[in-house]
Amino acid sequence: MELLQLQYFERIAKYQSMSKAAEELHVSQPSLSSCIIRLEKELGVKLFDRNGRKIVLNSYGKYFLNMTRQILKNARFQPMKKP
């Protein structure tokens, strides 16, 4: 799991739209979708319920979103330690 995947997941969850998230992140929609599919495979659960073009966070996604926000918050504000 990479921080980039978590950032992508958080944006998709915010907009509940792959196309809006892709536009904001300046990435193609197919690459964003592939990234989320890999993340779901790694976690072993689906994070979104998909109905055609509409995606909605499911219960796993809501739980994972809370964890993701904490991870991203901590990652952004951790000072780098000198070796």
PDB file of N, CA and C in Angstrom:
ATOM      1  N   MET A   1       0.845  -1.169   0.000  1.00  0.00           N
ATOM      2  CA  MET A   1       0.000   0.000   0.000  1.00  0.00           C
ATOM      3  C   MET A   1       0.896   1.240   0.000  1.00  0.00           C
ATOM      4  N   GLU A   2       0.540   2.193  -0.809  1.00  0.00           N
ATOM      5  CA  GLU A   2       1.318   3.412  -0.950  1.00  0.00           C
ATOM      6  C   GLU A   2       0.478   4.625  -0.552  1.00  0.00           C
ATOM      7  N   LEU A   3       1.161   5.682  -0.126  1.00  0.00           N
ATOM      8  CA  LEU A   3       0.457   6.909   0.233  1.00  0.00           C
ATOM      9  C   LEU A   3      -0.332   7.461  -0.947  1.00  0.00           C
ATOM     10  N   LEU A   4       0.212   7.302  -2.138  1.00  0.00           N
ATOM     11  CA  LEU A   4      -0.484   7.788  -3.329  1.00  0.00           C
ATOM     12  C   LEU A   4      -1.841   7.100  -3.486  1.00  0.00           C
ATOM     13  N   GLN A   5      -1.884   5.796  -3.239  1.00  0.00           N
ATOM     14  CA  GLN A   5      -3.156   5.067  -3.306  1.00  0.00           C
ATOM     15  C   GLN A   5      -4.147   5.628  -2.295  1.00  0.00           C
ATOM     16  N   LEU A   6      -3.655   5.942  -1.106  1.00  0.00           N
ATOM     17  CA  LEU A   6      -4.525   6.487  -0.063  1.00  0.00           C
ATOM     18  C   LEU A   6      -5.031   7.874  -0.447  1.00  0.00           C
ATOM     19  N   GLN A   7      -4.159   8.681  -1.041  1.00  0.00           N
ATOM     20  CA  GLN A   7      -4.586  10.006  -1.497  1.00  0.00           C
ATOM     21  C   GLN A   7      -5.649   9.880  -2.581  1.00  0.00           C
ATOM     22  N   TYR A   8      -5.448   8.972  -3.496  1.00  0.00           N
ATOM     23  CA  TYR A   8      -6.434   8.750  -4.556  1.00  0.00           C
ATOM     24  C   TYR A   8      -7.761   8.271  -3.960  1.00  0.00           C
ATOM     25  N   PHE A   9      -7.686   7.310  -3.065  1.00  0.00           N
ATOM     26  CA  PHE A   9      -8.898   6.788  -2.432  1.00  0.00           C
ATOM     27  C   PHE A   9      -9.660   7.902  -1.725  1.00  0.00           C
ATOM     28  N   GLU A  10      -8.948   8.747  -1.005  1.00  0.00           N
ATOM     29  CA  GLU A  10      -9.593   9.832  -0.249  1.00  0.00           C
ATOM     30  C   GLU A  10     -10.314  10.797  -1.184  1.00  0.00           C
ATOM     31  N   ARG A  11      -9.708  11.123  -2.314  1.00  0.00           N
ATOM     32  CA  ARG A  11     -10.338  12.033  -3.279  1.00  0.00           C
ATOM     33  C   ARG A  11     -11.579  11.388  -3.911  1.00  0.00           C
ATOM     34  N   ILE A  12     -11.486  10.132  -4.268  1.00  0.00           N
ATOM     35  CA  ILE A  12     -12.640   9.450  -4.853  1.00  0.00           C
ATOM     36  C   ILE A  12     -13.777   9.405  -3.838  1.00  0.00           C
ATOM     37  N   ALA A  13     -13.441   9.112  -2.593  1.00  0.00           N
ATOM     38  CA  ALA A  13     -14.463   9.060  -1.544  1.00  0.00           C
ATOM     39  C   ALA A  13     -15.104  10.435  -1.345  1.00  0.00           C
ATOM     40  N   LYS A  14     -14.301  11.483  -1.433  1.00  0.00           N
ATOM     41  CA  LYS A  14     -14.823  12.846  -1.256  1.00  0.00           C
ATOM     42  C   LYS A  14     -15.874  13.164  -2.310  1.00  0.00           C
ATOM     43  N   TYR A  15     -15.550  12.884  -3.559  1.00  0.00           N
ATOM     44  CA  TYR A  15     -16.447  13.236  -4.659  1.00  0.00           C
ATOM     45  C   TYR A  15     -17.417  12.127  -5.035  1.00  0.00           C
ATOM     46  N   GLN A  16     -17.128  10.902  -4.619  1.00  0.00           N
ATOM     47  CA  GLN A  16     -17.893   9.727  -5.022  1.00  0.00           C
ATOM     48  C   GLN A  16     -18.050   9.718  -6.542  1.00  0.00           C
ATOM     49  N   SER A  17     -16.911  10.067  -7.180  1.00  0.00           N
ATOM     50  CA  SER A  17     -16.872  10.127  -8.636  1.00  0.00           C
ATOM     51  C   SER A  17     -15.431   9.937  -9.088  1.00  0.00           C
ATOM     52  N   MET A  18     -15.212   8.941  -9.920  1.00  0.00           N
ATOM     53  CA  MET A  18     -13.872   8.715 -10.468  1.00  0.00           C
ATOM     54  C   MET A  18     -13.461   9.879 -11.363  1.00  0.00           C
ATOM     55  N   SER A  19     -14.392  10.352 -12.190  1.00  0.00           N
ATOM     56  CA  SER A  19     -14.033  11.398 -13.145  1.00  0.00           C
ATOM     57  C   SER A  19     -13.692  12.715 -12.449  1.00  0.00           C
ATOM     58  N   LYS A  20     -14.449  13.102 -11.431  1.00  0.00           N
ATOM     59  CA  LYS A  20     -14.135  14.338 -10.704  1.00  0.00           C
ATOM     60  C   LYS A  20     -12.807  14.220  -9.964  1.00  0.00           C
ATOM     61  N   ALA A  21     -12.576  13.064  -9.350  1.00  0.00           N
ATOM     62  CA  ALA A  21     -11.313  12.854  -8.633  1.00  0.00           C
ATOM     63  C   ALA A  21     -10.145  12.859  -9.615  1.00  0.00           C
ATOM     64  N   ALA A  22     -10.301  12.197 -10.751  1.00  0.00           N
ATOM     65  CA  ALA A  22      -9.233  12.151 -11.756  1.00  0.00           C
ATOM     66  C   ALA A  22      -8.908  13.549 -12.253  1.00  0.00           C
ATOM     67  N   GLU A  23      -9.935  14.336 -12.462  1.00  0.00           N
ATOM     68  CA  GLU A  23      -9.721  15.709 -12.937  1.00  0.00           C
ATOM     69  C   GLU A  23      -8.933  16.521 -11.903  1.00  0.00           C
ATOM     70  N   GLU A  24      -9.317  16.431 -10.641  1.00  0.00           N
ATOM     71  CA  GLU A  24      -8.625  17.183  -9.591  1.00  0.00           C
ATOM     72  C   GLU A  24      -7.188  16.705  -9.405  1.00  0.00           C
ATOM     73  N   LEU A  25      -6.978  15.401  -9.530  1.00  0.00           N
ATOM     74  CA  LEU A  25      -5.654  14.822  -9.303  1.00  0.00           C
ATOM     75  C   LEU A  25      -4.757  14.878 -10.540  1.00  0.00           C
ATOM     76  N   HIS A  26      -5.323  15.279 -11.668  1.00  0.00           N
ATOM     77  CA  HIS A  26      -4.588  15.366 -12.928  1.00  0.00           C
ATOM     78  C   HIS A  26      -4.026  14.012 -13.355  1.00  0.00           C
ATOM     79  N   VAL A  27      -4.871  12.993 -13.237  1.00  0.00           N
ATOM     80  CA  VAL A  27      -4.524  11.654 -13.703  1.00  0.00           C
ATOM     81  C   VAL A  27      -5.675  11.147 -14.567  1.00  0.00           C
ATOM     82  N   SER A  28      -5.394  10.145 -15.371  1.00  0.00           N
ATOM     83  CA  SER A  28      -6.464   9.595 -16.201  1.00  0.00           C
ATOM     84  C   SER A  28      -7.411   8.761 -15.339  1.00  0.00           C
ATOM     85  N   GLN A  29      -8.649   8.729 -15.752  1.00  0.00           N
ATOM     86  CA  GLN A  29      -9.640   7.947 -15.023  1.00  0.00           C
ATOM     87  C   GLN A  29      -9.304   6.456 -15.013  1.00  0.00           C
ATOM     88  N   PRO A  30      -8.853   5.881 -16.134  1.00  0.00           N
ATOM     89  CA  PRO A  30      -8.503   4.456 -16.101  1.00  0.00           C
ATOM     90  C   PRO A  30      -7.358   4.140 -15.131  1.00  0.00           C
ATOM     91  N   SER A  31      -6.349   5.004 -15.055  1.00  0.00           N
ATOM     92  CA  SER A  31      -5.245   4.727 -14.128  1.00  0.00           C
ATOM     93  C   SER A  31      -5.702   4.868 -12.682  1.00  0.00           C
ATOM     94  N   LEU A  32      -6.603   5.803 -12.427  1.00  0.00           N
ATOM     95  CA  LEU A  32      -7.155   5.973 -11.083  1.00  0.00           C
ATOM     96  C   LEU A  32      -7.982   4.749 -10.700  1.00  0.00           C
ATOM     97  N   SER A  33      -8.788   4.278 -11.609  1.00  0.00           N
ATOM     98  CA  SER A  33      -9.605   3.100 -11.372  1.00  0.00           C
ATOM     99  C   SER A  33      -8.736   1.869 -11.113  1.00  0.00           C
ATOM    100  N   SER A  34      -7.685   1.720 -11.902  1.00  0.00           N
ATOM    101  CA  SER A  34      -6.763   0.592 -11.711  1.00  0.00           C
ATOM    102  C   SER A  34      -6.095   0.643 -10.347  1.00  0.00           C
ATOM    103  N   CYS A  35      -5.732   1.828  -9.928  1.00  0.00           N
ATOM    104  CA  CYS A  35      -5.092   2.011  -8.619  1.00  0.00           C
ATOM    105  C   CYS A  35      -6.025   1.559  -7.498  1.00  0.00           C
ATOM    106  N   ILE A  36      -7.291   1.912  -7.597  1.00  0.00           N
ATOM    107  CA  ILE A  36      -8.260   1.541  -6.560  1.00  0.00           C
ATOM    108  C   ILE A  36      -8.537   0.041  -6.601  1.00  0.00           C
ATOM    109  N   ILE A  37      -8.593  -0.531  -7.773  1.00  0.00           N
ATOM    110  CA  ILE A  37      -8.794  -1.978  -7.889  1.00  0.00           C
ATOM    111  C   ILE A  37      -7.639  -2.721  -7.225  1.00  0.00           C
ATOM    112  N   ARG A  38      -6.397  -2.255  -7.457  1.00  0.00           N
ATOM    113  CA  ARG A  38      -5.230  -2.873  -6.804  1.00  0.00           C
ATOM    114  C   ARG A  38      -5.306  -2.729  -5.284  1.00  0.00           C
ATOM    115  N   LEU A  39      -5.736  -1.557  -4.815  1.00  0.00           N
ATOM    116  CA  LEU A  39      -5.873  -1.331  -3.379  1.00  0.00           C
ATOM    117  C   LEU A  39      -6.910  -2.285  -2.789  1.00  0.00           C
ATOM    118  N   GLU A  40      -8.038  -2.432  -3.459  1.00  0.00           N
ATOM    119  CA  GLU A  40      -9.080  -3.339  -2.975  1.00  0.00           C
ATOM    120  C   GLU A  40      -8.584  -4.783  -2.948  1.00  0.00           C
ATOM    121  N   LYS A  41      -7.836  -5.178  -3.954  1.00  0.00           N
ATOM    122  CA  LYS A  41      -7.277  -6.543  -3.975  1.00  0.00           C
ATOM    123  C   LYS A  41      -6.306  -6.739  -2.818  1.00  0.00           C
ATOM    124  N   GLU A  42      -5.477  -5.741  -2.576  1.00  0.00           N
ATOM    125  CA  GLU A  42      -4.515  -5.831  -1.486  1.00  0.00           C
ATOM    126  C   GLU A  42      -5.213  -5.930  -0.132  1.00  0.00           C
ATOM    127  N   LEU A  43      -6.298  -5.176   0.035  1.00  0.00           N
ATOM    128  CA  LEU A  43      -7.040  -5.197   1.296  1.00  0.00           C
ATOM    129  C   LEU A  43      -7.952  -6.419   1.404  1.00  0.00           C
ATOM    130  N   GLY A  44      -8.333  -6.978   0.272  1.00  0.00           N
ATOM    131  CA  GLY A  44      -9.215  -8.139   0.273  1.00  0.00           C
ATOM    132  C   GLY A  44     -10.684  -7.801   0.442  1.00  0.00           C
ATOM    133  N   VAL A  45     -11.029  -6.531   0.257  1.00  0.00           N
ATOM    134  CA  VAL A  45     -12.429  -6.091   0.356  1.00  0.00           C
ATOM    135  C   VAL A  45     -12.698  -5.018  -0.689  1.00  0.00           C
ATOM    136  N   LYS A  46     -13.948  -4.904  -1.083  1.00  0.00           N
ATOM    137  CA  LYS A  46     -14.379  -3.806  -1.940  1.00  0.00           C
ATOM    138  C   LYS A  46     -14.636  -2.600  -1.042  1.00  0.00           C
ATOM    139  N   LEU A  47     -14.224  -1.425  -1.492  1.00  0.00           N
ATOM    140  CA  LEU A  47     -14.394  -0.201  -0.715  1.00  0.00           C
ATOM    141  C   LEU A  47     -15.588   0.614  -1.189  1.00  0.00           C
ATOM    142  N   PHE A  48     -16.005   0.360  -2.412  1.00  0.00           N
ATOM    143  CA  PHE A  48     -17.126   1.088  -3.007  1.00  0.00           C
ATOM    144  C   PHE A  48     -18.167   0.113  -3.536  1.00  0.00           C
ATOM    145  N   ASP A  49     -19.414   0.529  -3.475  1.00  0.00           N
ATOM    146  CA  ASP A  49     -20.476  -0.166  -4.196  1.00  0.00           C
ATOM    147  C   ASP A  49     -20.611   0.562  -5.521  1.00  0.00           C
ATOM    148  N   ARG A  50     -20.568  -0.183  -6.592  1.00  0.00           N
ATOM    149  CA  ARG A  50     -20.624   0.395  -7.928  1.00  0.00           C
ATOM    150  C   ARG A  50     -21.958   0.052  -8.574  1.00  0.00           C
ATOM    151  N   ASN A  51     -22.582   1.075  -9.112  1.00  0.00           N
ATOM    152  CA  ASN A  51     -23.838   0.905  -9.822  1.00  0.00           C
ATOM    153  C   ASN A  51     -23.733   1.707 -11.106  1.00  0.00           C
ATOM    154  N   GLY A  52     -23.294   1.042 -12.164  1.00  0.00           N
ATOM    155  CA  GLY A  52     -23.043   1.753 -13.415  1.00  0.00           C
ATOM    156  C   GLY A  52     -21.861   2.686 -13.232  1.00  0.00           C
ATOM    157  N   ARG A  53     -22.071   3.952 -13.488  1.00  0.00           N
ATOM    158  CA  ARG A  53     -20.999   4.939 -13.341  1.00  0.00           C
ATOM    159  C   ARG A  53     -20.963   5.530 -11.934  1.00  0.00           C
ATOM    160  N   LYS A  54     -21.953   5.224 -11.132  1.00  0.00           N
ATOM    161  CA  LYS A  54     -22.024   5.785  -9.783  1.00  0.00           C
ATOM    162  C   LYS A  54     -21.291   4.884  -8.793  1.00  0.00           C
ATOM    163  N   ILE A  55     -20.501   5.494  -7.912  1.00  0.00           N
ATOM    164  CA  ILE A  55     -19.812   4.743  -6.871  1.00  0.00           C
ATOM    165  C   ILE A  55     -20.142   5.371  -5.521  1.00  0.00           C
ATOM    166  N   VAL A  56     -20.330   4.509  -4.529  1.00  0.00           N
ATOM    167  CA  VAL A  56     -20.674   4.955  -3.186  1.00  0.00           C
ATOM    168  C   VAL A  56     -19.850   4.141  -2.198  1.00  0.00           C
ATOM    169  N   LEU A  57     -19.301   4.817  -1.197  1.00  0.00           N
ATOM    170  CA  LEU A  57     -18.566   4.098  -0.165  1.00  0.00           C
ATOM    171  C   LEU A  57     -19.469   3.086   0.513  1.00  0.00           C
ATOM    172  N   ASN A  58     -18.980   1.877   0.693  1.00  0.00           N
ATOM    173  CA  ASN A  58     -19.725   0.896   1.485  1.00  0.00           C
ATOM    174  C   ASN A  58     -19.193   0.939   2.917  1.00  0.00           C
ATOM    175  N   SER A  59     -19.615   0.022   3.759  1.00  0.00           N
ATOM    176  CA  SER A  59     -19.207   0.066   5.167  1.00  0.00           C
ATOM    177  C   SER A  59     -17.702  -0.121   5.328  1.00  0.00           C
ATOM    178  N   TYR A  60     -17.086  -0.980   4.516  1.00  0.00           N
ATOM    179  CA  TYR A  60     -15.630  -1.144   4.565  1.00  0.00           C
ATOM    180  C   TYR A  60     -14.941   0.158   4.133  1.00  0.00           C
ATOM    181  N   GLY A  61     -15.479   0.774   3.096  1.00  0.00           N
ATOM    182  CA  GLY A  61     -14.917   2.020   2.593  1.00  0.00           C
ATOM    183  C   GLY A  61     -14.990   3.137   3.611  1.00  0.00           C
ATOM    184  N   LYS A  62     -16.108   3.222   4.328  1.00  0.00           N
ATOM    185  CA  LYS A  62     -16.253   4.264   5.357  1.00  0.00           C
ATOM    186  C   LYS A  62     -15.247   4.064   6.474  1.00  0.00           C
ATOM    187  N   TYR A  63     -15.081   2.835   6.897  1.00  0.00           N
ATOM    188  CA  TYR A  63     -14.096   2.531   7.947  1.00  0.00           C
ATOM    189  C   TYR A  63     -12.688   2.847   7.453  1.00  0.00           C
ATOM    190  N   PHE A  64     -12.384   2.417   6.228  1.00  0.00           N
ATOM    191  CA  PHE A  64     -11.055   2.631   5.674  1.00  0.00           C
ATOM    192  C   PHE A  64     -10.791   4.118   5.436  1.00  0.00           C
ATOM    193  N   LEU A  65     -11.823   4.891   5.103  1.00  0.00           N
ATOM    194  CA  LEU A  65     -11.661   6.328   4.899  1.00  0.00           C
ATOM    195  C   LEU A  65     -11.220   7.009   6.197  1.00  0.00           C
ATOM    196  N   ASN A  66     -11.811   6.619   7.313  1.00  0.00           N
ATOM    197  CA  ASN A  66     -11.394   7.196   8.599  1.00  0.00           C
ATOM    198  C   ASN A  66      -9.929   6.890   8.881  1.00  0.00           C
ATOM    199  N   MET A  67      -9.519   5.663   8.627  1.00  0.00           N
ATOM    200  CA  MET A  67      -8.115   5.285   8.830  1.00  0.00           C
ATOM    201  C   MET A  67      -7.212   6.046   7.864  1.00  0.00           C
ATOM    202  N   THR A  68      -7.642   6.151   6.625  1.00  0.00           N
ATOM    203  CA  THR A  68      -6.855   6.832   5.593  1.00  0.00           C
ATOM    204  C   THR A  68      -6.626   8.291   5.962  1.00  0.00           C
ATOM    205  N   ARG A  69      -7.663   8.958   6.421  1.00  0.00           N
ATOM    206  CA  ARG A  69      -7.517  10.372   6.794  1.00  0.00           C
ATOM    207  C   ARG A  69      -6.508  10.548   7.922  1.00  0.00           C
ATOM    208  N   GLN A  70      -6.508   9.636   8.882  1.00  0.00           N
ATOM    209  CA  GLN A  70      -5.526   9.709   9.975  1.00  0.00           C
ATOM    210  C   GLN A  70      -4.107   9.486   9.452  1.00  0.00           C
ATOM    211  N   ILE A  71      -3.960   8.511   8.579  1.00  0.00           N
ATOM    212  CA  ILE A  71      -2.637   8.217   8.016  1.00  0.00           C
ATOM    213  C   ILE A  71      -2.122   9.413   7.226  1.00  0.00           C
ATOM    214  N   LEU A  72      -2.970   9.985   6.382  1.00  0.00           N
ATOM    215  CA  LEU A  72      -2.545  11.121   5.570  1.00  0.00           C
ATOM    216  C   LEU A  72      -2.249  12.340   6.438  1.00  0.00           C
ATOM    217  N   LYS A  73      -3.041  12.544   7.449  1.00  0.00           N
ATOM    218  CA  LYS A  73      -2.794  13.657   8.374  1.00  0.00           C
ATOM    219  C   LYS A  73      -1.437  13.484   9.046  1.00  0.00           C
ATOM    220  N   ASN A  74      -1.154  12.304   9.530  1.00  0.00           N
ATOM    221  CA  ASN A  74       0.117  12.044  10.196  1.00  0.00           C
ATOM    222  C   ASN A  74       1.287  12.124   9.222  1.00  0.00           C
ATOM    223  N   ALA A  75       1.083  11.660   7.998  1.00  0.00           N
ATOM    224  CA  ALA A  75       2.154  11.675   7.013  1.00  0.00           C
ATOM    225  C   ALA A  75       2.517  13.097   6.605  1.00  0.00           C
ATOM    226  N   ARG A  76       1.549  13.980   6.566  1.00  0.00           N
ATOM    227  CA  ARG A  76       1.799  15.359   6.149  1.00  0.00           C
ATOM    228  C   ARG A  76       2.535  16.176   7.193  1.00  0.00           C
ATOM    229  N   PHE A  77       2.337  15.866   8.445  1.00  0.00           N
ATOM    230  CA  PHE A  77       2.848  16.724   9.497  1.00  0.00           C
ATOM    231  C   PHE A  77       3.983  16.118  10.313  1.00  0.00           C
ATOM    232  N   GLN A  78       4.494  14.998   9.887  1.00  0.00           N
ATOM    233  CA  GLN A  78       5.620  14.393  10.601  1.00  0.00           C
ATOM    234  C   GLN A  78       6.910  15.045  10.126  1.00  0.00           C
ATOM    235  N   PRO A  79       7.650  15.686  11.037  1.00  0.00           N
ATOM    236  CA  PRO A  79       8.941  16.245  10.617  1.00  0.00           C
ATOM    237  C   PRO A  79       9.908  15.118  10.311  1.00  0.00           C
ATOM    238  N   MET A  80      10.761  15.359   9.337  1.00  0.00           N
ATOM    239  CA  MET A  80      11.760  14.355   8.995  1.00  0.00           C
ATOM    240  C   MET A  80      12.853  14.374  10.054  1.00  0.00           C
ATOM    241  N   LYS A  81      13.230  13.202  10.480  1.00  0.00           N
ATOM    242  CA  LYS A  81      14.282  13.085  11.482  1.00  0.00           C
ATOM    243  C   LYS A  81      15.623  13.004  10.797  1.00  0.00           C
ATOM    244  N   LYS A  82      16.585  13.666  11.385  1.00  0.00           N
ATOM    245  CA  LYS A  82      17.949  13.608  10.839  1.00  0.00           C
ATOM    246  C   LYS A  82      18.578  12.284  11.203  1.00  0.00           C
ATOM    247  N   PRO A  83      19.357  11.725  10.277  1.00  0.00           N
ATOM    248  CA  PRO A  83      20.004  10.419  10.559  1.00  0.00           C
ATOM    249  C   PRO A  83      21.084  10.540  11.626  1.00  0.00           C
TER     250      PRO A  83
END
